[in-house]
Amino acid sequence: MVKRLSDYIASYISNELNYNQDKGEVMSYGLEIIIGGFLKTISLITLSLVLGIFSYTMVGMVSFAVFRTIIGGAHQDTYGKCFVTSITILLCIGALGKNFYFVADSSIWAFLVYGQSFFSTLTWVPAGTEKKEIKNQKLRIKMKSMSIALLTLWIILIILYPIYNYQQYVFSSILGVFTAFFLITPLAYKLMSIKFNFKKGVI
């Protein structure tokens, strides 16, 4: 549905502005990302409000998205699959964050995720696919450095939660970060049936 709508809008605009086919396809792809992202966000907000887990879901989503945009990772091959998978994962993070927030009383969970994420950063960041892979070594090192800097800032904020009293949201954040870094592992690619040569991803 999203692709058809994007194609229709892009086709209409291209005809009006006399764009060639290549520009039309680029416009359609951009519209698909914008419209798809909007629909996912509205759906996530609506469902999390209905389920009473809005704030927990938003914390998990932000923690996930901040790293996801830098480190990359496995993606579903269609918008429909991506929509269902991402909404389900983020709602689960919100629900777990709300009902098991007390787990974060022990900072060991945060440090375990930090260690797993640090290792994943050194090994696989930035993670791509066969169709989209970053091979420039300087850019890869820069993205690794950004990931490590964000991870360090994140763990500091987690450590400070007793001072600023946001304990109820810590576990949601931990789950969001864990999920983002799990999706760059070979296991995540295997579960989504995505072929990728991870030997190329190691620097």
C-alpha atoms as a PDB file:
ATOM      1  CA  MET A   1       0.000   0.000   0.000  1.00  0.00           C
ATOM      2  CA  VAL A   2       2.755   2.450   0.962  1.00  0.00           C
ATOM      3  CA  LYS A   3       4.771   1.680  -2.164  1.00  0.00           C
ATOM      4  CA  ARG A   4       1.736   2.062  -4.432  1.00  0.00           C
ATOM      5  CA  LEU A   5       0.856   5.391  -2.816  1.00  0.00           C
ATOM      6  CA  SER A   6       4.466   6.589  -3.122  1.00  0.00           C
ATOM      7  CA  ASP A   7       4.623   5.514  -6.768  1.00  0.00           C
ATOM      8  CA  TYR A   8       1.344   7.311  -7.503  1.00  0.00           C
ATOM      9  CA  ILE A   9       2.426  10.574  -5.864  1.00  0.00           C
ATOM     10  CA  ALA A  10       5.889  10.425  -7.471  1.00  0.00           C
ATOM     11  CA  SER A  11       4.351   9.716 -10.871  1.00  0.00           C
ATOM     12  CA  TYR A  12       1.959  12.650 -10.555  1.00  0.00           C
ATOM     13  CA  ILE A  13       4.697  15.080  -9.485  1.00  0.00           C
ATOM     14  CA  SER A  14       7.072  13.786 -12.176  1.00  0.00           C
ATOM     15  CA  ASN A  15       4.461  14.365 -14.871  1.00  0.00           C
ATOM     16  CA  GLU A  16       3.734  17.858 -13.598  1.00  0.00           C
ATOM     17  CA  LEU A  17       7.423  18.820 -13.426  1.00  0.00           C
ATOM     18  CA  ASN A  18       8.559  16.799 -16.460  1.00  0.00           C
ATOM     19  CA  TYR A  19      10.992  14.707 -14.442  1.00  0.00           C
ATOM     20  CA  ASN A  20      12.620  11.685 -16.081  1.00  0.00           C
ATOM     21  CA  GLN A  21      12.087   8.117 -14.857  1.00  0.00           C
ATOM     22  CA  ASP A  22      15.227   8.054 -12.708  1.00  0.00           C
ATOM     23  CA  LYS A  23      14.193  11.148 -10.753  1.00  0.00           C
ATOM     24  CA  GLY A  24      10.716   9.710 -10.378  1.00  0.00           C
ATOM     25  CA  GLU A  25      12.069   6.491  -8.878  1.00  0.00           C
ATOM     26  CA  VAL A  26      14.281   8.386  -6.453  1.00  0.00           C
ATOM     27  CA  MET A  27      11.313  10.518  -5.409  1.00  0.00           C
ATOM     28  CA  SER A  28       9.146   7.417  -4.966  1.00  0.00           C
ATOM     29  CA  TYR A  29      11.790   5.794  -2.756  1.00  0.00           C
ATOM     30  CA  GLY A  30      12.070   8.919  -0.604  1.00  0.00           C
ATOM     31  CA  LEU A  31       8.302   9.211  -0.277  1.00  0.00           C
ATOM     32  CA  GLU A  32       8.070   5.553   0.703  1.00  0.00           C
ATOM     33  CA  ILE A  33      10.522   6.128   3.563  1.00  0.00           C
ATOM     34  CA  ILE A  34       8.720   9.274   4.746  1.00  0.00           C
ATOM     35  CA  ILE A  35       5.181   7.885   4.504  1.00  0.00           C
ATOM     36  CA  GLY A  36       6.205   4.509   5.920  1.00  0.00           C
ATOM     37  CA  GLY A  37       8.017   6.127   8.843  1.00  0.00           C
ATOM     38  CA  PHE A  38       5.029   8.365   9.555  1.00  0.00           C
ATOM     39  CA  LEU A  39       2.606   5.435   9.566  1.00  0.00           C
ATOM     40  CA  LYS A  40       4.866   3.388  11.827  1.00  0.00           C
ATOM     41  CA  THR A  41       5.248   6.262  14.278  1.00  0.00           C
ATOM     42  CA  ILE A  42       1.513   6.997  14.424  1.00  0.00           C
ATOM     43  CA  SER A  43       0.707   3.291  14.819  1.00  0.00           C
ATOM     44  CA  LEU A  44       3.292   2.866  17.563  1.00  0.00           C
ATOM     45  CA  ILE A  45       2.060   5.910  19.485  1.00  0.00           C
ATOM     46  CA  THR A  46      -1.589   4.846  19.180  1.00  0.00           C
ATOM     47  CA  LEU A  47      -1.015   1.228  20.224  1.00  0.00           C
ATOM     48  CA  SER A  48       1.293   2.136  23.108  1.00  0.00           C
ATOM     49  CA  LEU A  49      -1.287   4.624  24.422  1.00  0.00           C
ATOM     50  CA  VAL A  50      -4.048   2.003  24.189  1.00  0.00           C
ATOM     51  CA  LEU A  51      -1.861  -0.524  26.016  1.00  0.00           C
ATOM     52  CA  GLY A  52      -0.814   1.996  28.664  1.00  0.00           C
ATOM     53  CA  ILE A  53       2.898   1.716  27.917  1.00  0.00           C
ATOM     54  CA  PHE A  54       3.474   4.947  25.991  1.00  0.00           C
ATOM     55  CA  SER A  55       6.349   6.493  27.964  1.00  0.00           C
ATOM     56  CA  TYR A  56       8.176   3.156  28.304  1.00  0.00           C
ATOM     57  CA  THR A  57       7.809   2.445  24.597  1.00  0.00           C
ATOM     58  CA  MET A  58       9.070   5.916  23.652  1.00  0.00           C
ATOM     59  CA  VAL A  59      12.164   5.530  25.845  1.00  0.00           C
ATOM     60  CA  GLY A  60      12.878   2.146  24.292  1.00  0.00           C
ATOM     61  CA  MET A  61      12.287   3.507  20.783  1.00  0.00           C
ATOM     62  CA  VAL A  62      14.630   6.490  21.248  1.00  0.00           C
ATOM     63  CA  SER A  63      17.341   4.286  22.776  1.00  0.00           C
ATOM     64  CA  PHE A  64      16.971   1.893  19.847  1.00  0.00           C
ATOM     65  CA  ALA A  65      16.774   4.525  17.090  1.00  0.00           C
ATOM     66  CA  VAL A  66      19.741   6.625  18.242  1.00  0.00           C
ATOM     67  CA  PHE A  67      22.094   3.676  17.796  1.00  0.00           C
ATOM     68  CA  ARG A  68      20.287   2.113  14.852  1.00  0.00           C
ATOM     69  CA  THR A  69      20.891   5.146  12.635  1.00  0.00           C
ATOM     70  CA  ILE A  70      24.647   4.846  13.198  1.00  0.00           C
ATOM     71  CA  ILE A  71      25.378   1.139  13.458  1.00  0.00           C
ATOM     72  CA  GLY A  72      23.009  -0.188  10.759  1.00  0.00           C
ATOM     73  CA  GLY A  73      21.892  -3.799  10.937  1.00  0.00           C
ATOM     74  CA  ALA A  74      19.492  -6.328   9.514  1.00  0.00           C
ATOM     75  CA  HIS A  75      16.306  -5.122   7.807  1.00  0.00           C
ATOM     76  CA  GLN A  76      13.232  -6.984   6.602  1.00  0.00           C
ATOM     77  CA  ASP A  77      12.932  -7.189   2.809  1.00  0.00           C
ATOM     78  CA  THR A  78       9.438  -5.653   2.571  1.00  0.00           C
ATOM     79  CA  TYR A  79       7.724  -2.707   4.228  1.00  0.00           C
ATOM     80  CA  GLY A  80       4.945  -4.948   5.567  1.00  0.00           C
ATOM     81  CA  LYS A  81       7.393  -7.238   7.342  1.00  0.00           C
ATOM     82  CA  CYS A  82       9.363  -4.252   8.613  1.00  0.00           C
ATOM     83  CA  PHE A  83       6.205  -2.606   9.941  1.00  0.00           C
ATOM     84  CA  VAL A  84       4.998  -5.671  11.837  1.00  0.00           C
ATOM     85  CA  THR A  85       8.444  -6.598  13.165  1.00  0.00           C
ATOM     86  CA  SER A  86       9.434  -3.119  14.372  1.00  0.00           C
ATOM     87  CA  ILE A  87       6.054  -2.359  15.959  1.00  0.00           C
ATOM     88  CA  THR A  88       5.996  -5.741  17.718  1.00  0.00           C
ATOM     89  CA  ILE A  89       9.551  -5.402  19.021  1.00  0.00           C
ATOM     90  CA  LEU A  90       9.069  -1.862  20.327  1.00  0.00           C
ATOM     91  CA  LEU A  91       5.739  -2.674  21.999  1.00  0.00           C
ATOM     92  CA  CYS A  92       7.367  -5.677  23.676  1.00  0.00           C
ATOM     93  CA  ILE A  93      10.177  -3.420  24.890  1.00  0.00           C
ATOM     94  CA  GLY A  94       7.603  -0.999  26.307  1.00  0.00           C
ATOM     95  CA  ALA A  95       5.613  -3.751  28.001  1.00  0.00           C
ATOM     96  CA  LEU A  96       8.699  -5.397  29.501  1.00  0.00           C
ATOM     97  CA  GLY A  97      10.048  -2.017  30.570  1.00  0.00           C
ATOM     98  CA  LYS A  98       6.847  -1.189  32.418  1.00  0.00           C
ATOM     99  CA  ASN A  99       6.301  -4.548  34.097  1.00  0.00           C
ATOM    100  CA  PHE A 100       9.912  -5.425  34.896  1.00  0.00           C
ATOM    101  CA  TYR A 101      11.493  -2.005  35.482  1.00  0.00           C
ATOM    102  CA  PHE A 102      12.697  -3.181  38.906  1.00  0.00           C
ATOM    103  CA  VAL A 103      15.209  -5.457  37.136  1.00  0.00           C
ATOM    104  CA  ALA A 104      17.291  -2.342  36.519  1.00  0.00           C
ATOM    105  CA  ASP A 105      17.890  -2.048  40.271  1.00  0.00           C
ATOM    106  CA  SER A 106      20.992  -4.064  39.545  1.00  0.00           C
ATOM    107  CA  SER A 107      23.253  -2.195  37.120  1.00  0.00           C
ATOM    108  CA  ILE A 108      24.772  -5.515  36.042  1.00  0.00           C
ATOM    109  CA  TRP A 109      22.221  -5.707  33.181  1.00  0.00           C
ATOM    110  CA  ALA A 110      23.332  -2.341  31.833  1.00  0.00           C
ATOM    111  CA  PHE A 111      27.001  -3.295  31.999  1.00  0.00           C
ATOM    112  CA  LEU A 112      26.324  -6.654  30.325  1.00  0.00           C
ATOM    113  CA  VAL A 113      24.566  -4.871  27.456  1.00  0.00           C
ATOM    114  CA  TYR A 114      27.351  -2.287  27.333  1.00  0.00           C
ATOM    115  CA  GLY A 115      29.935  -5.070  27.020  1.00  0.00           C
ATOM    116  CA  GLN A 116      27.935  -6.884  24.337  1.00  0.00           C
ATOM    117  CA  SER A 117      27.407  -3.638  22.431  1.00  0.00           C
ATOM    118  CA  PHE A 118      31.057  -2.603  22.707  1.00  0.00           C
ATOM    119  CA  PHE A 119      32.183  -5.963  21.321  1.00  0.00           C
ATOM    120  CA  SER A 120      29.607  -5.766  18.526  1.00  0.00           C
ATOM    121  CA  THR A 121      30.790  -2.268  17.652  1.00  0.00           C
ATOM    122  CA  LEU A 122      34.405  -3.341  17.295  1.00  0.00           C
ATOM    123  CA  THR A 123      33.432  -6.420  15.299  1.00  0.00           C
ATOM    124  CA  TRP A 124      30.533  -5.464  13.005  1.00  0.00           C
ATOM    125  CA  VAL A 125      29.763  -1.711  13.013  1.00  0.00           C
ATOM    126  CA  PRO A 126      28.668  -0.437  10.564  1.00  0.00           C
ATOM    127  CA  ALA A 127      26.595  -3.448   9.548  1.00  0.00           C
ATOM    128  CA  GLY A 128      25.024  -3.476   6.088  1.00  0.00           C
ATOM    129  CA  THR A 129      23.590  -5.840   3.524  1.00  0.00           C
ATOM    130  CA  GLU A 130      24.696  -7.078   0.130  1.00  0.00           C
ATOM    131  CA  LYS A 131      22.846  -4.138  -1.447  1.00  0.00           C
ATOM    132  CA  LYS A 132      24.176  -1.532   0.960  1.00  0.00           C
ATOM    133  CA  GLU A 133      27.602  -1.909   2.479  1.00  0.00           C
ATOM    134  CA  ILE A 134      30.040   0.722   3.741  1.00  0.00           C
ATOM    135  CA  LYS A 135      33.549  -0.283   2.663  1.00  0.00           C
ATOM    136  CA  ASN A 136      35.436   2.970   3.212  1.00  0.00           C
ATOM    137  CA  GLN A 137      37.737   2.223   6.131  1.00  0.00           C
ATOM    138  CA  LYS A 138      37.961   5.793   7.418  1.00  0.00           C
ATOM    139  CA  LEU A 139      34.172   6.088   7.457  1.00  0.00           C
ATOM    140  CA  ARG A 140      33.843   2.721   9.195  1.00  0.00           C
ATOM    141  CA  ILE A 141      36.289   3.779  11.909  1.00  0.00           C
ATOM    142  CA  LYS A 142      34.419   7.073  12.330  1.00  0.00           C
ATOM    143  CA  MET A 143      31.118   5.237  12.773  1.00  0.00           C
ATOM    144  CA  LYS A 144      32.691   2.853  15.276  1.00  0.00           C
ATOM    145  CA  SER A 145      34.026   5.837  17.231  1.00  0.00           C
ATOM    146  CA  MET A 146      30.604   7.510  17.229  1.00  0.00           C
ATOM    147  CA  SER A 147      28.996   4.298  18.463  1.00  0.00           C
ATOM    148  CA  ILE A 148      31.509   3.911  21.303  1.00  0.00           C
ATOM    149  CA  ALA A 149      31.097   7.573  22.305  1.00  0.00           C
ATOM    150  CA  LEU A 150      27.305   7.193  22.433  1.00  0.00           C
ATOM    151  CA  LEU A 151      27.600   3.949  24.368  1.00  0.00           C
ATOM    152  CA  THR A 152      29.836   5.642  26.920  1.00  0.00           C
ATOM    153  CA  LEU A 153      27.401   8.538  27.300  1.00  0.00           C
ATOM    154  CA  TRP A 154      24.521   6.059  27.618  1.00  0.00           C
ATOM    155  CA  ILE A 155      26.156   4.000  30.382  1.00  0.00           C
ATOM    156  CA  ILE A 156      26.966   7.197  32.296  1.00  0.00           C
ATOM    157  CA  LEU A 157      23.302   8.227  32.148  1.00  0.00           C
ATOM    158  CA  ILE A 158      22.280   4.761  33.322  1.00  0.00           C
ATOM    159  CA  ILE A 159      24.686   4.967  36.267  1.00  0.00           C
ATOM    160  CA  LEU A 160      23.269   8.370  37.243  1.00  0.00           C
ATOM    161  CA  TYR A 161      19.618   7.234  37.401  1.00  0.00           C
ATOM    162  CA  PRO A 162      19.481   7.073  41.250  1.00  0.00           C
ATOM    163  CA  ILE A 163      20.407  10.765  41.397  1.00  0.00           C
ATOM    164  CA  TYR A 164      17.846  11.990  38.864  1.00  0.00           C
ATOM    165  CA  ASN A 165      15.134   9.425  39.718  1.00  0.00           C
ATOM    166  CA  TYR A 166      14.224   7.951  36.332  1.00  0.00           C
ATOM    167  CA  GLN A 167      14.626   4.347  37.423  1.00  0.00           C
ATOM    168  CA  GLN A 168      11.300   3.247  35.913  1.00  0.00           C
ATOM    169  CA  TYR A 169      12.604   3.891  32.392  1.00  0.00           C
ATOM    170  CA  VAL A 170      16.087   2.392  32.678  1.00  0.00           C
ATOM    171  CA  PHE A 171      15.100  -1.152  31.747  1.00  0.00           C
ATOM    172  CA  SER A 172      13.267   0.075  28.633  1.00  0.00           C
ATOM    173  CA  SER A 173      16.435   1.863  27.552  1.00  0.00           C
ATOM    174  CA  ILE A 174      18.568  -1.210  28.224  1.00  0.00           C
ATOM    175  CA  LEU A 175      16.247  -3.338  26.094  1.00  0.00           C
ATOM    176  CA  GLY A 176      16.257  -0.764  23.304  1.00  0.00           C
ATOM    177  CA  VAL A 177      20.057  -0.652  23.143  1.00  0.00           C
ATOM    178  CA  PHE A 178      20.345  -4.444  23.368  1.00  0.00           C
ATOM    179  CA  THR A 179      17.916  -4.872  20.466  1.00  0.00           C
ATOM    180  CA  ALA A 180      19.738  -2.349  18.273  1.00  0.00           C
ATOM    181  CA  PHE A 181      23.060  -4.146  18.707  1.00  0.00           C
ATOM    182  CA  PHE A 182      21.541  -7.611  18.454  1.00  0.00           C
ATOM    183  CA  LEU A 183      20.330  -6.711  14.964  1.00  0.00           C
ATOM    184  CA  ILE A 184      23.913  -6.297  13.723  1.00  0.00           C
ATOM    185  CA  THR A 185      24.933  -9.807  14.759  1.00  0.00           C
ATOM    186  CA  PRO A 186      25.210 -12.765  12.360  1.00  0.00           C
ATOM    187  CA  LEU A 187      22.380 -14.484  14.258  1.00  0.00           C
ATOM    188  CA  ALA A 188      19.961 -11.626  13.486  1.00  0.00           C
ATOM    189  CA  TYR A 189      20.902 -11.735   9.794  1.00  0.00           C
ATOM    190  CA  LYS A 190      20.367 -15.495   9.796  1.00  0.00           C
ATOM    191  CA  LEU A 191      16.960 -15.188  11.464  1.00  0.00           C
ATOM    192  CA  MET A 192      15.906 -12.703   8.764  1.00  0.00           C
ATOM    193  CA  SER A 193      17.423 -14.841   6.005  1.00  0.00           C
ATOM    194  CA  ILE A 194      19.755 -12.034   4.901  1.00  0.00           C
ATOM    195  CA  LYS A 195      22.991 -12.979   3.173  1.00  0.00           C
ATOM    196  CA  PHE A 196      26.015 -10.920   4.164  1.00  0.00           C
ATOM    197  CA  ASN A 197      29.742 -11.581   4.282  1.00  0.00           C
ATOM    198  CA  PHE A 198      30.673 -10.554   7.818  1.00  0.00           C
ATOM    199  CA  LYS A 199      34.378 -11.031   7.126  1.00  0.00           C
ATOM    200  CA  LYS A 200      34.196  -7.797   5.154  1.00  0.00           C
ATOM    201  CA  GLY A 201      32.705  -6.026   8.112  1.00  0.00           C
ATOM    202  CA  VAL A 202      35.607  -6.599  10.494  1.00  0.00           C
ATOM    203  CA  ILE A 203      38.312  -3.968  10.787  1.00  0.00           C
END
